[in-house]
């Protein structure tokens, strides 16, 4: 079992404004309050790990270098807030709509927990003491499947998916509200 606590974060619709198949740095825009939410979580001692389905790569809409450029931009912008993302994991696959080697069943595409499990191994993370935040049912389910506590945000696709969230999962208005909830939960459970 790992020693680190983490907050796993979906990217599109959770950290940044949802843009279908975001492929250009110019289209990247933080959801208001998101950088401050990440800073609060980081200051509380959580590793910050992005786990994002990116089937646009598998569909041929953009490539891994374009995705990396977006992540580099996100890292640079967050640095201005004193925030460091500890790792970014992405799944480029899709079982039906991808092309070539990207068209396959995999263990990394959310709601499967592969990206979270890989991060736990790479970063010595205790999944049972960690959280997953996302705007889609698949995000919430990935966290639960990995053994994390999951929270949904109502940004991005969250409003549409919020009626189907599993029992025991709470939806919050945005990432900042979800971060505050995590900090409150942690404060209440400290011995």
Foldseek 3Di string as FASTA:
>chain_A
DFDAAAEEEEPDQAQFDHDPLDQALVRTHGDPPNLVLQVLCVVVRHAYEYEYERLCCQLVVHHPVSVVVNVVSVQVVSVVVVGHHPYYHYQNADCPRGDDPRNHDDQRPFVRQVVVVVCCVVVRHDLLNYEYEEQALRRCNNSVNSNHQYEYEPTDNNVVHVVPHDPPYYYYPGSNRVSVVSVVVVVVPDD
